[in-house]
Every structure is written in C-alpha cells, then in structure tokens.
Amino acid sequence: MTDNEIALLDELISDVGNRRCRPGTLAFYLTKLERLGRYLARAADPPPGNVVIWRGLSRLTVIEFGAEIGAAGNVVLKAGEDLTRRRTRHRGRTLTDRLADGTVDPERRS
C-alpha cells in the first residue's frame, strides 16, 4: 500500500473494528480495506472473501483518484455551473464520507 492509500484509510475508516490487530500492521490496514468493501468486522463474522477485498480496493482507488484531482485543482467547470453544487451535503455528510461507508455505490449510475 502506498502512503496516500494508508493516509486515506486512516482518515476515512475508524479504528473501532480493529481490536484484534495492532495499529500500523498489514492486518490492521487490510481490515480497514475490508470495511471499506462493506465488511462489518464483527467478532462472529467469517473472514471476508475476495469480492469484499476487491470492492474495498476499487473504492479506495476511486477515492484516491478523486483526492488527487481535488489536490491538483484541475476541476473544470462547464459554463454557468456552480462549484457549490458539487460540494452539497446529504444529511450533514459529504460525498466522500458517503462513499467510504457504503451509503453511495460509486459503480451505480443514476
């Protein structure tokens, strides 16, 4: 994992469900990646499968790509488009937060 991916996982996913892993280990960040892929990480849950890990990795890639675009400032607006529309909140949470917790599916098209 890259430093950017680790920083994003630290920012987006809380450490609450990682009681079994020591912070900073590969297992710790793998559990965060699994939780990004909709794994609940409860005590009685079986280990996640490949689909859950793939889903978490693909979401992390999308979030990382969006963060890079935002940091570069290469957002091009169409004529008459307002930037504040892109930053609207849904029940007090930003789109990045909703992507991270699985409320919004990035693959779903409206």
Foldseek 3Di string as FASTA:
>chain_A
DDPLLVVVLPVQADQVLVPPDDPPDPVSVQVSLLQQLVDPNDPPDDDDDPNSNVSSVVLSVVLSVVVVCVVVVPDDDDPPDDPVVQADDDPNHGPNNCSRNVVDRPVDDD
